[in-house]
Amino acid sequence: MFYCAQLETESLIFAAGMLLDSARQQIFPAAWLLFSPVRVILLVVWVYFCVYSVLRVEGSNLIPVRHKAKANILALLTGPFFLFVLFVADVTIKLQEGIIRPGNILKGIFGDTFKRRRARYKAEKGIELLDSAGRSFAEVYSSQGRDQKTTSEILSLTESIILDGIRDRASDILLDPKSRSVFTVRFRIDGVLSTVSQMEADKAGTIVNSIKAISNMDIAERRRPQDGSFMARIPEGDVYFRVASAGVLGGEKLSIRILNQSAGLLRLDEIGLSAQSQRLVLDNISRASGMIVVCGPTGSGKTTSLYAMLSEVDFYERNVVTVEDPIEYVLPSASQIEVNVKANITFANALRNILRQDPDVICVGEIRDVETADMALQASQTGHLVLATLHSSSNLAALVRLMDLGVRPLLLASGLDVIISQRLVRRLCEHCKRPAGLTETQIANFERKKIDYRTIMEANGCKRCRGTGFVGRTAIMDVMRLDEDVKANLANERLSLGSMKQRGDKESMSALRKEGLRKVLAGITTIEEVQRVTSKLG
C-alpha cells in the first residue's frame, strides 16, 4: 500500500513539472531564447565591433577633432555599419592618394593602427629624447608654455615615430604635408622610401614643432630652411639625429637623418670589397703617405667605407684627425672635428689647422672646393695618409670633378693613389630567400657563359624583413689604382675631360655590374636589384 502511494506521488510531481515547463515556454518565450549560446556569441561580437569602431574613429583622419565626440556615440550605437562606411571611405582616399596599393588594402588600413599602438607602447618603455645640451624633451617643450597634459601627449606621439624608425633600421624619417589637412610619415629603409602612416595636419604640426624645439630651431619660422640636431637614449645606446626643415606647399616638411651609434662600425672585410681589392686598399692604408678617395652619389655608403678603412689603422701608433659634417660615429682614439659654418669651421679652415697638429692620418669627410682638395693632395705628399670622399659618378669622373674644381693635373698625378667608386645594393633576407625563377632566355645565357645559375636567389618576404625580402645593404665597388701610365697622362695633360667622363662612366658601370653579378651568384642579392642600382649610371 505504501509503494502504491509513492508511485502516485511521483506521478503527480512529474505531471506538475510538465505543466510548469509548458507554462514557462508559453509565458516567457523571449526570455527563454535570450540566453541561447548563439545569441550570447552574437552579442559579444556586436559589442566588440562597437568598441573597435570607436577606436577607429579616434585614429581616423577623416573625422575632424571637433566632431569626434558625436562620431564616437554614433559608432557605439551602429557598430559594424559605421566601421564599414569608415573603412570604405579610408580605402578610397588612400587609393586615390597612392598611399596603399590595390593588392595590399588590409595591411595598409589596419596595419597603421596596430603599428602606431605598438610603437607607442615601445616608446613609453624604451626611449628618452634629449637636446644637444642634455635637457629632456619634457623640459624643453614645457618651457615654451605648454601644459603638462599636452606635453605628455606630444611626447608620446613623437617618441613613437622616432623609436619606430630606429627599430625598423630607417636611415631617414620624413614628415611631409600631403595636403593642407594630411601629413605622411615615411621611412627610408635600405635606401627605399615607404609610407608607414598618415595623420591630420594639426597633430603633425605639433610633432614638427616638438622636434624643432628639441633641435634648438626657431618654431615661429616656418618658411626659411633650418638645421638642428638632437639625441635619443635607448637600451642599445645613444642615437643622434640631424634635422632639416623647409617650408613647402601645404605646410612645413621635416627631414630627420638617423645617426645610429649603436649599429656599430663595419670592418673593411664587411663592406663588400673583393679579396683582391681588399688587399690593394690594405696595402695603401699601411703606407705612411698617399691619398685614397671614395666616390659615389649621395647615400652610396662613402662615409661607412671611410670608417671601415679607419678601423684598419692602429690609433696607438698613428695620430688620426678627422674633419666631418656631421660626425656620424664617435672614434674614442681619434681627434674628430665637426664642420660649423656659423663658427667659420669649414673643411678648408679645419684642414689648415690640422696640418699643424702633427697628424699621421687625415680623414676629410667631403671634398667640396679647390682649397680643400689642394691641401689634401699636398698633405698626401708630405708624409700624411689622406682618406677623403667626393661626389662623382665613377672613378675617372672623380678626376674630371677634381680638375673641374681647379686642381692642377700635376698635383693630382703626384698625390692621388686609389679611387673607389661604389653603390649599395640590398641584401636578401636569409630567413626567406628562395631559388630564383629564371626565364629560359636567362638560363640559356648563363649556360652559354658557363655560369652556374643554381645559386641565384630571389626575394620572398617574411615578418623579419617586413615583407620586403631584404635586410640591410652591401656595397659593389670599382677600385682603381692610378698606375704610372694614368699619372703620366695626367701630368702631361693628355687626357680629354669630356671623353674621360663618358669612358669612365661606361667602364665603371661595367665593373660595378660584374661585381654585382658576383654577389648575385653568391646568393647575396638579386639580378633585379643590381640592375636597379647600376642602371642609374647610364
Protein backbone atom coordinates (compact mmCIF):
# COMPACT_ATOMS: atom_id res chain seq x y z
CA MET A 1 0.00 0.00 0.00
CA PHE A 2 2.86 2.35 0.84
CA TYR A 3 4.50 1.50 -2.51
CA CYS A 4 1.32 2.47 -4.41
CA ALA A 5 1.18 5.83 -2.58
CA GLN A 6 4.81 6.54 -3.51
CA LEU A 7 4.09 5.88 -7.20
CA GLU A 8 1.11 8.21 -7.13
CA THR A 9 3.21 10.94 -5.53
CA GLU A 10 5.97 10.64 -8.15
CA SER A 11 3.37 10.70 -10.94
CA LEU A 12 1.87 13.91 -9.54
CA ILE A 13 5.31 15.56 -9.28
CA PHE A 14 6.19 14.61 -12.88
CA ALA A 15 2.85 15.91 -14.16
CA ALA A 16 3.30 19.18 -12.25
CA GLY A 17 6.78 19.61 -13.72
CA MET A 18 5.48 19.12 -17.24
CA LEU A 19 2.75 21.70 -16.66
CA LEU A 20 5.25 24.24 -15.27
CA ASP A 21 7.63 23.70 -18.19
CA SER A 22 4.78 24.15 -20.69
CA ALA A 23 3.63 27.31 -18.94
CA ARG A 24 7.16 28.76 -18.84
CA GLN A 25 7.61 28.26 -22.59
CA GLN A 26 4.21 29.85 -23.31
CA ILE A 27 4.52 32.83 -20.96
CA PHE A 28 8.30 33.62 -21.28
CA PRO A 29 9.34 32.50 -24.81
CA ALA A 30 11.59 35.57 -25.42
CA ALA A 31 13.37 35.22 -22.10
CA TRP A 32 13.84 31.53 -22.72
CA LEU A 33 15.63 32.18 -26.02
CA LEU A 34 17.51 35.29 -24.86
CA PHE A 35 20.32 33.33 -23.26
CA SER A 36 20.85 30.79 -26.03
CA PRO A 37 24.56 30.28 -26.96
CA VAL A 38 24.09 31.77 -30.45
CA ARG A 39 22.61 34.99 -29.05
CA VAL A 40 25.38 35.32 -26.47
CA ILE A 41 28.05 34.94 -29.17
CA LEU A 42 26.33 37.49 -31.44
CA LEU A 43 26.07 39.92 -28.53
CA VAL A 44 29.79 39.62 -27.73
CA VAL A 45 30.74 40.11 -31.39
CA TRP A 46 28.46 43.17 -31.65
CA VAL A 47 29.95 44.77 -28.53
CA TYR A 48 33.48 44.09 -29.82
CA PHE A 49 32.76 45.77 -33.16
CA CYS A 50 31.14 48.73 -31.42
CA VAL A 51 34.21 49.27 -29.23
CA TYR A 52 36.57 48.74 -32.18
CA SER A 53 34.57 51.28 -34.22
CA VAL A 54 35.18 53.86 -31.51
CA LEU A 55 38.92 53.11 -31.64
CA ARG A 56 38.92 53.55 -35.41
CA VAL A 57 37.14 56.89 -35.06
CA GLU A 58 39.80 58.11 -32.63
CA GLY A 59 42.62 57.19 -35.03
CA SER A 60 40.89 58.33 -38.22
CA ASN A 61 41.92 61.44 -40.14
CA LEU A 62 38.58 61.59 -41.96
CA ILE A 63 36.67 62.98 -38.99
CA PRO A 64 37.53 66.46 -37.64
CA VAL A 65 38.52 66.64 -33.99
CA ARG A 66 35.50 68.79 -33.09
CA HIS A 67 33.10 66.11 -34.38
CA LYS A 68 34.79 63.05 -32.89
CA ALA A 69 32.63 63.00 -29.72
CA LYS A 70 29.46 62.72 -31.80
CA ALA A 71 31.10 60.20 -34.10
CA ASN A 72 32.06 58.07 -31.08
CA ILE A 73 28.43 57.93 -29.93
CA LEU A 74 27.27 57.05 -33.45
CA ALA A 75 29.94 54.35 -33.75
CA LEU A 76 28.97 52.91 -30.37
CA LEU A 77 25.32 52.61 -31.47
CA THR A 78 25.74 51.43 -35.05
CA GLY A 79 28.88 49.34 -34.60
CA PRO A 80 29.92 47.38 -37.72
CA PHE A 81 27.81 49.52 -40.06
CA PHE A 82 29.72 52.68 -39.14
CA LEU A 83 33.01 50.74 -39.28
CA PHE A 84 32.21 49.57 -42.81
CA VAL A 85 31.45 53.11 -44.01
CA LEU A 86 34.67 54.40 -42.43
CA PHE A 87 36.66 51.55 -43.96
CA VAL A 88 35.34 52.20 -47.49
CA ALA A 89 35.98 55.95 -47.22
CA ASP A 90 39.51 55.41 -45.88
CA VAL A 91 40.38 52.88 -48.59
CA THR A 92 39.04 55.14 -51.35
CA ILE A 93 41.07 58.15 -50.22
CA LYS A 94 44.29 56.17 -49.71
CA LEU A 95 43.95 54.52 -53.12
CA GLN A 96 43.44 57.92 -54.78
CA GLU A 97 46.47 59.40 -53.00
CA GLY A 98 48.62 56.35 -53.77
CA ILE A 99 49.38 55.61 -50.11
CA ILE A 100 48.30 51.97 -50.46
CA ARG A 101 48.12 49.64 -53.42
CA PRO A 102 45.04 47.70 -54.56
CA GLY A 103 46.66 44.37 -53.65
CA ASN A 104 47.62 45.47 -50.12
CA ILE A 105 44.44 47.10 -48.78
CA LEU A 106 44.02 45.30 -45.45
CA LYS A 107 47.65 45.81 -44.44
CA GLY A 108 47.54 49.46 -45.48
CA ILE A 109 44.39 50.21 -43.46
CA PHE A 110 44.67 48.12 -40.31
CA GLY A 111 48.45 47.82 -40.17
CA ASP A 112 48.95 51.52 -39.36
CA THR A 113 46.69 51.38 -36.30
CA PHE A 114 48.37 48.34 -34.79
CA LYS A 115 51.82 49.66 -35.65
CA ARG A 116 51.22 53.04 -34.02
CA ARG A 117 49.82 51.40 -30.92
CA ARG A 118 52.78 49.01 -30.66
CA ALA A 119 55.24 51.84 -31.30
CA ARG A 120 53.64 53.98 -28.60
CA TYR A 121 53.99 51.15 -26.09
CA LYS A 122 57.63 50.64 -27.01
CA ALA A 123 58.27 54.38 -26.82
CA GLU A 124 56.96 54.60 -23.29
CA LYS A 125 59.28 51.79 -22.25
CA GLY A 126 62.47 52.30 -24.20
CA ILE A 127 63.42 55.82 -25.35
CA GLU A 128 64.31 59.23 -23.96
CA LEU A 129 64.68 62.29 -26.21
CA LEU A 130 67.27 64.93 -25.30
CA ASP A 131 68.51 68.14 -26.90
CA SER A 132 72.18 68.78 -27.66
CA ALA A 133 72.67 70.21 -24.15
CA GLY A 134 71.25 67.10 -22.47
CA ARG A 135 67.87 68.57 -21.49
CA SER A 136 64.89 66.23 -21.66
CA PHE A 137 62.05 66.64 -24.15
CA ALA A 138 59.52 67.46 -21.43
CA GLU A 139 61.79 70.16 -20.00
CA VAL A 140 62.41 71.79 -23.38
CA TYR A 141 58.81 71.70 -24.58
CA SER A 142 57.14 72.68 -21.29
CA SER A 143 59.48 75.68 -21.04
CA GLN A 144 57.62 77.14 -24.01
CA GLY A 145 54.36 77.45 -22.07
CA ARG A 146 52.79 74.06 -22.82
CA ASP A 147 50.65 72.38 -20.15
CA GLN A 148 51.73 69.01 -18.78
CA LYS A 149 48.92 67.01 -20.43
CA THR A 150 49.65 68.44 -23.89
CA THR A 151 53.37 67.89 -23.43
CA SER A 152 52.78 64.25 -22.44
CA GLU A 153 50.60 63.56 -25.49
CA ILE A 154 53.04 65.18 -27.92
CA LEU A 155 55.97 63.40 -26.28
CA SER A 156 54.25 60.03 -26.73
CA LEU A 157 53.48 60.67 -30.42
CA THR A 158 56.97 61.96 -31.18
CA GLU A 159 58.71 59.12 -29.38
CA SER A 160 56.52 56.60 -31.21
CA ILE A 161 57.67 57.84 -34.61
CA ILE A 162 61.33 58.16 -33.63
CA LEU A 163 61.56 54.74 -31.97
CA ASP A 164 59.69 53.05 -34.80
CA GLY A 165 62.23 54.49 -37.23
CA ILE A 166 65.14 53.18 -35.15
CA ARG A 167 63.64 49.71 -34.74
CA ASP A 168 62.86 49.48 -38.47
CA ARG A 169 66.51 50.37 -39.32
CA ALA A 170 65.50 53.54 -41.13
CA SER A 171 68.23 55.94 -42.20
CA ASP A 172 65.80 58.86 -42.59
CA ILE A 173 62.38 59.86 -41.26
CA LEU A 174 60.36 62.26 -43.42
CA LEU A 175 57.27 64.16 -42.29
CA ASP A 176 55.65 65.50 -45.47
CA PRO A 177 52.45 67.54 -45.95
CA LYS A 178 50.41 65.53 -48.45
CA SER A 179 47.79 68.28 -48.47
CA ARG A 180 46.73 71.04 -46.09
CA SER A 181 44.85 68.50 -43.99
CA VAL A 182 47.01 65.37 -44.15
CA PHE A 183 50.68 64.61 -43.41
CA THR A 184 52.51 61.40 -44.26
CA VAL A 185 55.26 59.76 -42.23
CA ARG A 186 57.80 57.98 -44.42
CA PHE A 187 60.87 55.89 -43.57
CA ARG A 188 63.85 55.32 -45.83
CA ILE A 189 64.84 51.72 -45.16
CA ASP A 190 67.75 50.19 -47.07
CA GLY A 191 67.65 53.13 -49.46
CA VAL A 192 63.95 52.73 -50.33
CA LEU A 193 61.23 55.12 -49.14
CA SER A 194 57.96 53.68 -47.81
CA THR A 195 54.90 55.33 -46.25
CA VAL A 196 54.25 53.98 -42.76
CA SER A 197 51.33 56.17 -41.64
CA GLN A 198 49.44 59.36 -42.16
CA MET A 199 47.93 61.84 -39.71
CA GLU A 200 45.91 65.02 -39.68
CA ALA A 201 47.80 68.26 -40.18
CA ASP A 202 47.10 69.67 -36.70
CA LYS A 203 48.61 66.65 -34.97
CA ALA A 204 51.56 66.54 -37.40
CA GLY A 205 52.18 70.25 -36.83
CA THR A 206 52.61 69.71 -33.09
CA ILE A 207 55.07 66.88 -33.75
CA VAL A 208 57.06 69.05 -36.17
CA ASN A 209 57.19 71.87 -33.61
CA SER A 210 58.23 69.49 -30.84
CA ILE A 211 61.14 68.12 -32.90
CA LYS A 212 62.18 71.65 -33.90
CA ALA A 213 62.09 72.70 -30.25
CA ILE A 214 64.33 69.88 -29.05
CA SER A 215 66.64 70.52 -32.04
CA ASN A 216 67.12 74.17 -30.96
CA MET A 217 65.34 75.50 -34.06
CA ASP A 218 63.02 78.51 -34.27
CA ILE A 219 59.43 77.23 -34.05
CA ALA A 220 57.97 80.53 -35.25
CA GLU A 221 59.95 80.39 -38.51
CA ARG A 222 58.17 78.04 -40.93
CA ARG A 223 59.34 79.27 -44.33
CA ARG A 224 63.10 79.65 -44.02
CA PRO A 225 65.09 76.38 -44.08
CA GLN A 226 66.66 75.48 -40.74
CA ASP A 227 69.05 72.84 -39.41
CA GLY A 228 69.35 71.32 -35.96
CA SER A 229 70.17 68.18 -34.01
CA PHE A 230 69.06 66.15 -31.01
CA MET A 231 69.72 62.74 -29.49
CA ALA A 232 67.86 59.78 -28.02
CA ARG A 233 68.78 57.24 -25.38
CA ILE A 234 67.63 53.69 -25.96
CA PRO A 235 68.70 50.45 -24.22
CA GLU A 236 71.15 49.69 -27.04
CA GLY A 237 72.94 53.05 -26.70
CA ASP A 238 72.73 56.67 -27.83
CA VAL A 239 71.30 57.63 -31.22
CA TYR A 240 71.98 61.03 -32.79
CA PHE A 241 69.75 62.86 -35.26
CA ARG A 242 70.28 65.67 -37.78
CA VAL A 243 67.12 67.64 -38.56
CA ALA A 244 66.35 69.85 -41.56
CA SER A 245 63.12 71.80 -42.08
CA ALA A 246 61.76 73.63 -45.11
CA GLY A 247 58.55 75.44 -45.94
CA VAL A 248 56.74 73.66 -48.78
CA LEU A 249 53.33 73.78 -50.41
CA GLY A 250 50.80 72.63 -47.83
CA GLY A 251 52.91 73.22 -44.74
CA GLU A 252 56.37 72.55 -43.34
CA LYS A 253 58.44 69.49 -44.23
CA LEU A 254 60.81 67.86 -41.78
CA SER A 255 63.68 65.51 -42.62
CA ILE A 256 65.39 63.58 -39.81
CA ARG A 257 68.66 61.74 -40.51
CA ILE A 258 69.33 58.91 -38.03
CA LEU A 259 72.97 58.52 -37.00
CA ASN A 260 72.77 55.30 -35.03
CA GLN A 261 75.90 54.83 -32.94
CA SER A 262 74.57 51.53 -31.56
CA ALA A 263 74.59 49.99 -35.06
CA GLY A 264 78.38 49.71 -34.79
CA LEU A 265 81.19 50.22 -37.29
CA LEU A 266 81.85 47.84 -40.15
CA ARG A 267 85.28 46.36 -40.79
CA LEU A 268 86.96 46.54 -44.17
CA ASP A 269 86.12 42.90 -44.91
CA GLU A 270 82.42 43.54 -44.21
CA ILE A 271 81.65 46.37 -46.63
CA GLY A 272 81.67 44.32 -49.83
CA LEU A 273 85.22 44.53 -51.22
CA SER A 274 86.51 41.59 -53.21
CA ALA A 275 89.61 39.82 -51.85
CA GLN A 276 91.87 41.41 -54.49
CA SER A 277 90.51 44.92 -53.91
CA GLN A 278 90.76 44.47 -50.16
CA ARG A 279 94.46 43.63 -50.43
CA LEU A 280 95.04 46.70 -52.60
CA VAL A 281 93.29 49.02 -50.14
CA LEU A 282 95.06 47.50 -47.12
CA ASP A 283 98.41 47.95 -48.85
CA ASN A 284 97.74 51.67 -49.36
CA ILE A 285 96.40 52.17 -45.83
CA SER A 286 99.58 50.71 -44.36
CA ARG A 287 101.72 53.28 -46.17
CA ALA A 288 102.96 56.43 -44.46
CA SER A 289 101.63 58.73 -47.16
CA GLY A 290 99.25 58.78 -50.09
CA MET A 291 95.62 59.52 -50.78
CA ILE A 292 92.52 57.33 -51.18
CA VAL A 293 89.28 58.88 -52.46
CA VAL A 294 85.89 57.18 -52.16
CA CYS A 295 83.34 58.49 -54.64
CA GLY A 296 79.68 57.96 -55.44
CA PRO A 297 76.33 59.73 -55.23
CA THR A 298 74.59 60.73 -52.00
CA GLY A 299 73.58 57.70 -49.96
CA SER A 300 76.04 55.29 -51.57
CA GLY A 301 77.85 54.45 -48.31
CA LYS A 302 81.00 56.54 -48.81
CA THR A 303 81.29 57.53 -45.14
CA THR A 304 80.77 53.94 -43.99
CA SER A 305 83.64 52.83 -46.25
CA LEU A 306 85.79 55.64 -44.88
CA TYR A 307 85.19 54.48 -41.28
CA ALA A 308 85.91 50.88 -42.34
CA MET A 309 89.33 52.00 -43.62
CA LEU A 310 89.97 53.89 -40.39
CA SER A 311 89.21 50.69 -38.45
CA GLU A 312 92.35 49.18 -40.02
CA VAL A 313 94.56 51.98 -38.68
CA ASP A 314 96.49 51.49 -35.43
CA PHE A 315 95.33 54.51 -33.40
CA TYR A 316 98.02 53.97 -30.76
CA GLU A 317 100.90 54.27 -33.21
CA ARG A 318 99.40 56.86 -35.55
CA ASN A 319 97.80 60.24 -34.81
CA VAL A 320 94.39 60.26 -36.56
CA VAL A 321 92.47 63.52 -37.09
CA THR A 322 89.13 63.77 -38.93
CA VAL A 323 87.04 66.64 -40.30
CA GLU A 324 83.39 65.65 -40.76
CA ASP A 325 79.96 67.12 -41.43
CA PRO A 326 78.43 65.69 -39.30
CA ILE A 327 80.35 63.29 -37.05
CA GLU A 328 78.42 60.08 -37.64
CA TYR A 329 80.41 57.74 -35.39
CA VAL A 330 82.50 58.57 -32.34
CA LEU A 331 86.06 57.23 -32.54
CA PRO A 332 87.45 57.41 -28.98
CA SER A 333 91.10 57.24 -30.07
CA ALA A 334 90.82 59.83 -32.87
CA SER A 335 90.59 63.63 -32.82
CA GLN A 336 87.33 64.48 -34.57
CA ILE A 337 86.37 67.98 -35.74
CA GLU A 338 82.83 68.81 -36.83
CA VAL A 339 82.23 71.43 -39.51
CA ASN A 340 80.35 74.50 -38.29
CA VAL A 341 79.93 77.19 -40.94
CA LYS A 342 78.49 79.70 -38.46
CA ALA A 343 81.66 79.44 -36.38
CA ASN A 344 83.79 79.59 -39.56
CA ILE A 345 84.90 75.97 -39.10
CA THR A 346 84.93 74.79 -42.71
CA PHE A 347 86.70 71.81 -44.27
CA ALA A 348 89.45 74.09 -45.60
CA ASN A 349 89.96 76.01 -42.35
CA ALA A 350 89.93 72.87 -40.23
CA LEU A 351 92.35 71.10 -42.59
CA ARG A 352 94.73 74.06 -42.44
CA ASN A 353 94.74 73.82 -38.64
CA ILE A 354 95.08 70.02 -38.64
CA LEU A 355 98.37 70.19 -40.54
CA ARG A 356 99.87 71.98 -37.52
CA GLN A 357 98.86 69.16 -35.14
CA ASP A 358 101.40 66.58 -36.36
CA PRO A 359 98.85 64.15 -37.86
CA ASP A 360 99.74 60.80 -39.41
CA VAL A 361 96.30 60.07 -40.89
CA ILE A 362 93.87 62.76 -42.05
CA CYS A 363 90.25 61.94 -42.85
CA VAL A 364 88.31 64.54 -44.85
CA GLY A 365 84.55 63.95 -44.77
CA GLU A 366 83.99 65.54 -48.18
CA ILE A 367 86.00 67.50 -50.73
CA ARG A 368 83.79 70.40 -51.83
CA ASP A 369 86.15 73.10 -53.07
CA VAL A 370 89.55 73.58 -54.67
CA GLU A 371 91.18 74.82 -51.44
CA THR A 372 90.28 71.64 -49.55
CA ALA A 373 91.34 69.45 -52.49
CA ASP A 374 94.70 71.24 -52.88
CA MET A 375 95.57 71.00 -49.18
CA ALA A 376 94.55 67.31 -49.01
CA LEU A 377 96.68 66.43 -52.05
CA GLN A 378 99.64 68.43 -50.77
CA ALA A 379 99.35 66.72 -47.37
CA SER A 380 99.43 63.30 -49.08
CA GLN A 381 102.86 64.21 -50.48
CA THR A 382 104.37 65.44 -47.22
CA GLY A 383 104.17 62.31 -45.08
CA HIS A 384 100.44 62.04 -44.38
CA LEU A 385 97.90 59.38 -45.30
CA VAL A 386 94.74 61.14 -46.50
CA LEU A 387 91.31 59.50 -46.78
CA ALA A 388 88.51 61.52 -48.37
CA THR A 389 85.12 61.29 -50.11
CA LEU A 390 83.92 63.02 -53.27
CA HIS A 391 80.59 63.21 -55.09
CA SER A 392 81.04 61.76 -58.57
CA SER A 393 79.57 59.02 -60.76
CA SER A 394 82.73 56.99 -61.49
CA ASN A 395 86.48 56.78 -60.91
CA LEU A 396 87.50 58.75 -64.00
CA ALA A 397 84.64 61.15 -63.37
CA ALA A 398 86.23 61.84 -59.97
CA LEU A 399 89.40 63.01 -61.75
CA VAL A 400 87.27 65.20 -64.00
CA ARG A 401 85.45 66.63 -60.99
CA LEU A 402 88.68 67.48 -59.18
CA MET A 403 90.15 69.18 -62.28
CA ASP A 404 86.86 71.00 -62.79
CA LEU A 405 87.16 72.35 -59.23
CA GLY A 406 90.52 73.80 -60.24
CA VAL A 407 93.04 71.20 -59.05
CA ARG A 408 96.18 71.10 -61.21
CA PRO A 409 96.63 67.79 -63.10
CA LEU A 410 100.26 67.57 -61.96
CA LEU A 411 99.15 67.76 -58.32
CA LEU A 412 96.60 65.01 -58.94
CA ALA A 413 99.17 62.77 -60.58
CA SER A 414 101.63 63.14 -57.73
CA GLY A 415 99.23 62.95 -54.78
CA LEU A 416 96.34 60.60 -55.63
CA ASP A 417 96.86 56.82 -55.41
CA VAL A 418 93.50 54.99 -55.27
CA ILE A 419 89.93 55.88 -56.26
CA ILE A 420 86.98 53.73 -55.18
CA SER A 421 83.59 54.12 -56.85
CA GLN A 422 80.71 52.36 -55.10
CA ARG A 423 76.96 51.76 -54.96
CA LEU A 424 74.75 49.99 -52.42
CA VAL A 425 72.52 47.01 -53.18
CA ARG A 426 70.05 45.45 -50.77
CA ARG A 427 70.92 42.10 -49.19
CA LEU A 428 68.44 39.23 -49.41
CA CYS A 429 66.79 38.16 -46.16
CA GLU A 430 68.50 34.95 -45.03
CA HIS A 431 65.29 33.62 -43.49
CA CYS A 432 63.03 33.74 -46.55
CA LYS A 433 65.11 33.95 -49.74
CA ARG A 434 64.39 31.23 -52.28
CA PRO A 435 65.82 29.96 -55.60
CA ALA A 436 65.07 32.40 -58.41
CA GLY A 437 62.56 31.55 -61.09
CA LEU A 438 64.69 32.31 -64.14
CA THR A 439 63.33 32.53 -67.68
CA GLU A 440 64.51 30.17 -70.40
CA THR A 441 66.40 33.02 -72.05
CA GLN A 442 68.27 33.81 -68.83
CA ILE A 443 69.13 30.15 -68.28
CA ALA A 444 70.41 29.86 -71.86
CA ASN A 445 72.60 32.97 -71.41
CA PHE A 446 74.10 31.61 -68.20
CA GLU A 447 74.74 28.20 -69.74
CA ARG A 448 76.41 29.80 -72.77
CA LYS A 449 78.75 31.71 -70.45
CA LYS A 450 79.29 28.56 -68.35
CA ILE A 451 77.87 30.21 -65.22
CA ASP A 452 76.26 28.09 -62.52
CA TYR A 453 72.86 29.76 -62.11
CA ARG A 454 71.54 27.36 -59.46
CA THR A 455 72.83 29.56 -56.61
CA ILE A 456 70.85 32.62 -57.78
CA MET A 457 68.16 33.60 -55.30
CA GLU A 458 65.17 35.93 -55.28
CA ALA A 459 63.26 37.89 -52.63
CA ASN A 460 60.26 36.32 -50.93
CA GLY A 461 59.23 38.27 -47.83
CA CYS A 462 58.57 37.39 -44.18
CA LYS A 463 57.92 39.09 -40.85
CA ARG A 464 61.63 39.53 -40.10
CA CYS A 465 62.16 41.61 -43.26
CA ARG A 466 58.76 43.38 -43.06
CA GLY A 467 57.64 41.58 -46.20
CA THR A 468 60.28 43.20 -48.42
CA GLY A 469 62.57 40.19 -48.81
CA PHE A 470 65.65 42.32 -47.99
CA VAL A 471 67.55 43.12 -44.79
CA GLY A 472 70.47 45.55 -44.87
CA ARG A 473 72.74 46.51 -47.76
CA THR A 474 76.18 45.73 -49.12
CA ALA A 475 78.44 47.67 -51.47
CA ILE A 476 79.52 46.86 -55.00
CA MET A 477 82.83 48.59 -55.67
CA ASP A 478 85.07 49.53 -58.56
CA VAL A 479 88.60 50.04 -57.22
CA MET A 480 91.05 51.90 -59.46
CA ARG A 481 94.77 52.24 -58.72
CA LEU A 482 96.40 55.14 -60.53
CA ASP A 483 99.29 53.42 -62.27
CA GLU A 484 102.25 55.13 -63.93
CA ASP A 485 100.51 55.40 -67.32
CA VAL A 486 97.47 57.21 -65.90
CA LYS A 487 99.67 59.53 -63.81
CA ALA A 488 101.88 60.30 -66.84
CA ASN A 489 98.83 61.16 -68.95
CA LEU A 490 97.52 63.36 -66.15
CA ALA A 491 100.84 65.13 -65.65
CA ASN A 492 101.22 65.79 -69.37
CA GLU A 493 97.55 66.82 -69.69
CA ARG A 494 96.95 64.34 -72.50
CA LEU A 495 93.51 63.32 -71.20
CA SER A 496 90.34 64.87 -72.64
CA LEU A 497 87.93 65.73 -69.83
CA GLY A 498 84.81 65.10 -71.92
CA SER A 499 85.84 61.72 -73.29
CA MET A 500 87.31 60.70 -69.92
CA LYS A 501 83.98 61.36 -68.18
CA GLN A 502 81.99 59.31 -70.73
CA ARG A 503 84.54 56.48 -70.83
CA GLY A 504 84.76 56.45 -67.04
CA ASP A 505 81.01 56.14 -66.56
CA LYS A 506 80.81 53.32 -69.13
CA GLU A 507 83.74 51.39 -67.67
CA SER A 508 82.56 51.90 -64.11
CA MET A 509 79.05 50.70 -64.99
CA SER A 510 80.53 47.53 -66.49
CA ALA A 511 82.81 46.95 -63.49
CA LEU A 512 80.03 47.53 -60.96
CA ARG A 513 77.71 45.18 -62.83
CA LYS A 514 80.38 42.47 -62.76
CA GLU A 515 80.80 42.95 -59.03
CA GLY A 516 77.03 42.88 -58.65
CA LEU A 517 76.81 39.63 -60.64
CA ARG A 518 79.34 38.02 -58.30
CA LYS A 519 77.09 38.85 -55.36
CA VAL A 520 74.05 37.56 -57.26
CA LEU A 521 75.80 34.23 -57.88
CA ALA A 522 76.73 34.10 -54.19
CA GLY A 523 73.06 34.43 -53.27
CA ILE A 524 73.59 37.79 -51.54
CA THR A 525 71.35 39.96 -53.74
CA THR A 526 69.14 39.68 -56.83
CA ILE A 527 69.58 40.38 -60.52
CA GLU A 528 66.82 43.00 -60.40
CA GLU A 529 68.50 44.82 -57.51
CA VAL A 530 71.82 45.07 -59.36
CA GLN A 531 70.04 46.30 -62.49
CA ARG A 532 68.12 48.88 -60.45
CA VAL A 533 71.29 50.34 -58.93
CA THR A 534 73.63 50.20 -61.94
CA SER A 535 71.05 51.46 -64.45
CA LYS A 536 71.35 54.89 -62.80
CA LEU A 537 74.88 55.13 -64.20
CA GLY A 538 73.79 55.09 -67.83
